[in-house]
Amino acid sequence: MLKQTKTFLLVVLLLFPLLVAGCADNAQNPQGSSSTQGMEQPNSLQQSNNLANSPGTMKITIYHATKDAQYLVPETQVISVNDHPAKEAIERLIAGTKQPDLVSVIPNGTKLRSISIKNHIAYVDFNDKLVKNNSGGSAGEILLVGAIVNTLTEFPEIQKVQLLVEGKKIDTITGHLDTSEPLSRSEKIIKK
């Protein structure tokens, strides 16, 4: 009797992982179950994750500000794999956010002229609207610069960012922050 009990336990222990894996697979893929066949999955986040995991796509993170102008919040987006994901990240940062609790910090009319990476420094060149259409204020300038720098330093090959306007280094945007040298990522302005 003891031998039969040991054999039974051994069989259960060997089959348990297969049983659990099968249940987990059905939970992740409800189309295999007759009760959910033909139903659309209501979870758009799950659909987004499926898209992000599909071949030919990648995730990027861009930063927008909270409405109270206190912090930056990361926003993950899915893009097609391309040769210039950092450029696309900045273009999406300029385009703004659709999240109702976030606001864009990029001044209206701002356009990306070019971006290049050399020795782990991204040189990002904007048109003059970055400065001319900036509404000013120290918080606004910190969030603007932080959004650009933090977005670009999400890419492992970029450690610092040099801001350029019309192809030239600028000392500051509105007089509150030194932008004359390459800038590093700022974690303390990211909302946790």
Protein backbone atom coordinates (compact mmCIF):
# COMPACT_ATOMS: atom_id res chain seq x y z
CA MET A 1 0.00 0.00 0.00
CA LEU A 2 2.85 2.41 0.82
CA LYS A 3 4.46 1.68 -2.55
CA GLN A 4 1.17 2.42 -4.36
CA THR A 5 0.79 5.72 -2.48
CA LYS A 6 4.36 6.75 -3.39
CA THR A 7 3.74 5.84 -7.03
CA PHE A 8 0.50 7.83 -7.06
CA LEU A 9 2.21 10.89 -5.53
CA LEU A 10 5.06 10.65 -8.04
CA VAL A 11 2.59 10.54 -10.95
CA VAL A 12 0.68 13.53 -9.54
CA LEU A 13 3.89 15.51 -9.06
CA LEU A 14 5.01 14.75 -12.60
CA LEU A 15 1.65 15.56 -14.20
CA PHE A 16 0.85 18.66 -12.10
CA PRO A 17 3.11 21.07 -14.07
CA LEU A 18 1.55 19.87 -17.33
CA LEU A 19 -1.95 20.38 -15.94
CA VAL A 20 -1.11 23.86 -14.68
CA ALA A 21 0.54 24.82 -18.00
CA GLY A 22 -2.52 23.65 -19.89
CA CYS A 23 -4.84 25.71 -17.67
CA ALA A 24 -2.61 28.77 -17.99
CA ASP A 25 -2.58 28.40 -21.78
CA ASN A 26 -6.39 28.27 -21.83
CA ALA A 27 -6.55 31.34 -19.57
CA GLN A 28 -4.28 33.28 -21.93
CA ASN A 29 -6.02 31.99 -25.06
CA PRO A 30 -9.75 31.84 -24.34
CA GLN A 31 -10.56 31.09 -28.01
CA GLY A 32 -9.74 27.45 -27.22
CA SER A 33 -12.65 27.32 -24.78
CA SER A 34 -16.18 26.92 -26.12
CA SER A 35 -17.72 29.47 -23.73
CA THR A 36 -15.66 32.38 -25.14
CA GLN A 37 -15.30 31.35 -28.76
CA GLY A 38 -15.92 34.21 -31.17
CA MET A 39 -15.92 36.89 -28.44
CA GLU A 40 -13.65 39.90 -28.75
CA GLN A 41 -11.22 40.50 -25.94
CA PRO A 42 -12.32 43.69 -24.18
CA ASN A 43 -8.91 44.40 -22.69
CA SER A 44 -7.20 46.89 -25.03
CA LEU A 45 -4.06 46.77 -22.90
CA GLN A 46 -3.77 43.05 -23.61
CA GLN A 47 -4.25 43.74 -27.32
CA SER A 48 -1.59 46.45 -27.15
CA ASN A 49 0.79 44.05 -25.42
CA ASN A 50 0.11 41.46 -28.10
CA LEU A 51 0.89 44.06 -30.77
CA ALA A 52 4.07 45.11 -28.97
CA ASN A 53 5.22 41.50 -28.86
CA SER A 54 4.54 40.91 -32.54
CA PRO A 55 7.43 40.87 -35.01
CA GLY A 56 8.22 44.22 -36.53
CA THR A 57 7.14 46.33 -33.53
CA MET A 58 8.87 47.81 -30.51
CA LYS A 59 7.95 49.84 -27.44
CA ILE A 60 9.18 53.37 -26.82
CA THR A 61 8.68 55.56 -23.77
CA ILE A 62 7.97 59.26 -24.00
CA TYR A 63 7.33 61.72 -21.16
CA HIS A 64 4.51 64.19 -20.66
CA ALA A 65 3.73 66.44 -17.70
CA THR A 66 1.10 66.16 -15.03
CA LYS A 67 -1.54 68.90 -15.21
CA ASP A 68 -0.19 70.49 -12.03
CA ALA A 69 3.24 70.93 -13.73
CA GLN A 70 4.98 69.02 -10.95
CA TYR A 71 6.15 65.80 -12.62
CA LEU A 72 6.75 63.91 -15.81
CA VAL A 73 4.90 60.66 -16.43
CA PRO A 74 6.15 57.94 -18.79
CA GLU A 75 3.84 56.91 -21.62
CA THR A 76 4.65 53.70 -23.49
CA GLN A 77 3.78 53.55 -27.17
CA VAL A 78 4.15 50.83 -29.78
CA ILE A 79 5.86 51.70 -33.05
CA SER A 80 7.05 49.80 -36.08
CA VAL A 81 10.69 48.80 -35.92
CA ASN A 82 12.69 51.34 -37.93
CA ASP A 83 16.19 52.73 -38.33
CA HIS A 84 15.44 55.90 -36.29
CA PRO A 85 13.35 55.07 -33.20
CA ALA A 86 14.78 58.03 -31.26
CA LYS A 87 13.60 60.39 -34.02
CA GLU A 88 10.14 58.85 -33.92
CA ALA A 89 10.07 59.16 -30.12
CA ILE A 90 10.75 62.92 -30.35
CA GLU A 91 8.17 63.33 -33.12
CA ARG A 92 5.60 61.58 -30.93
CA LEU A 93 6.63 63.76 -27.98
CA ILE A 94 6.00 66.84 -30.15
CA ALA A 95 2.62 65.43 -31.25
CA GLY A 96 1.45 65.41 -27.62
CA THR A 97 -0.57 62.98 -25.59
CA LYS A 98 -4.11 61.64 -25.70
CA GLN A 99 -4.07 60.86 -21.98
CA PRO A 100 -6.61 63.19 -20.27
CA ASP A 101 -4.56 63.51 -17.08
CA LEU A 102 -1.35 64.54 -18.90
CA VAL A 103 -0.29 67.60 -20.90
CA SER A 104 2.32 68.14 -23.56
CA VAL A 105 5.23 70.36 -22.64
CA ILE A 106 6.43 71.04 -26.18
CA PRO A 107 5.51 74.54 -27.42
CA ASN A 108 3.10 74.78 -30.37
CA GLY A 109 4.80 74.98 -33.75
CA THR A 110 7.94 73.18 -32.56
CA LYS A 111 9.41 70.89 -35.19
CA LEU A 112 12.31 68.47 -35.12
CA ARG A 113 14.95 69.50 -37.66
CA SER A 114 17.36 66.60 -37.09
CA ILE A 115 18.75 64.19 -34.57
CA SER A 116 22.12 62.45 -34.52
CA ILE A 117 23.94 60.32 -31.98
CA LYS A 118 27.69 60.44 -31.43
CA ASN A 119 29.66 59.06 -28.46
CA HIS A 120 26.41 58.32 -26.55
CA ILE A 121 25.24 61.93 -26.90
CA ALA A 122 22.09 62.73 -28.86
CA TYR A 123 22.24 66.06 -30.68
CA VAL A 124 18.61 67.05 -31.15
CA ASP A 125 17.92 70.11 -33.29
CA PHE A 126 14.57 71.94 -33.14
CA ASN A 127 13.24 74.92 -35.03
CA ASP A 128 13.14 78.28 -33.23
CA LYS A 129 9.54 77.75 -32.02
CA LEU A 130 10.97 75.70 -29.13
CA VAL A 131 12.17 79.02 -27.68
CA LYS A 132 9.87 81.60 -29.30
CA ASN A 133 6.59 79.85 -28.41
CA ASN A 134 7.65 78.79 -24.94
CA SER A 135 5.38 80.29 -22.31
CA GLY A 136 8.21 80.57 -19.81
CA GLY A 137 8.45 79.76 -16.14
CA SER A 138 11.02 77.65 -14.37
CA ALA A 139 8.72 74.64 -13.91
CA GLY A 140 7.77 74.68 -17.58
CA GLU A 141 11.38 74.86 -18.69
CA ILE A 142 12.45 72.05 -16.36
CA LEU A 143 9.62 69.81 -17.58
CA LEU A 144 10.26 70.66 -21.24
CA VAL A 145 13.96 69.87 -21.05
CA GLY A 146 13.31 66.85 -18.83
CA ALA A 147 10.74 65.43 -21.24
CA ILE A 148 13.16 65.65 -24.17
CA VAL A 149 16.18 64.33 -22.26
CA ASN A 150 14.32 61.54 -20.43
CA THR A 151 12.60 60.41 -23.63
CA LEU A 152 15.90 60.12 -25.48
CA THR A 153 17.84 58.53 -22.61
CA GLU A 154 15.32 55.68 -22.61
CA PHE A 155 17.43 54.37 -25.49
CA PRO A 156 20.48 52.49 -24.18
CA GLU A 157 22.83 54.07 -26.72
CA ILE A 158 22.01 57.60 -25.45
CA GLN A 159 23.43 58.81 -22.14
CA LYS A 160 23.20 62.58 -22.61
CA VAL A 161 21.34 65.04 -24.81
CA GLN A 162 22.56 68.28 -26.38
CA LEU A 163 19.72 70.64 -27.29
CA LEU A 164 20.11 72.68 -30.46
CA VAL A 165 17.88 75.35 -31.98
CA GLU A 166 18.27 76.09 -35.68
CA GLY A 167 21.53 74.09 -35.64
CA LYS A 168 23.17 76.00 -32.77
CA LYS A 169 23.70 75.34 -29.07
CA ILE A 170 21.54 77.50 -26.84
CA ASP A 171 22.48 78.70 -23.36
CA THR A 172 18.92 78.43 -22.05
CA ILE A 173 15.32 78.24 -23.25
CA THR A 174 13.69 80.78 -20.91
CA GLY A 175 16.53 81.70 -18.57
CA HIS A 176 16.04 79.16 -15.78
CA LEU A 177 18.09 76.17 -16.90
CA ASP A 178 21.55 75.90 -18.47
CA THR A 179 21.28 73.98 -21.75
CA SER A 180 24.69 74.91 -23.16
CA GLU A 181 26.18 71.48 -22.42
CA PRO A 182 24.86 67.92 -22.88
CA LEU A 183 22.30 67.06 -20.22
CA SER A 184 21.80 63.81 -18.29
CA ARG A 185 18.60 62.07 -17.36
CA SER A 186 16.61 63.42 -14.39
CA GLU A 187 14.84 60.70 -12.39
CA LYS A 188 13.64 63.01 -9.62
CA ILE A 189 11.06 64.75 -11.84
CA ILE A 190 9.44 61.43 -12.86
CA LYS A 191 6.26 60.67 -10.93
CA LYS A 192 6.62 57.36 -9.10
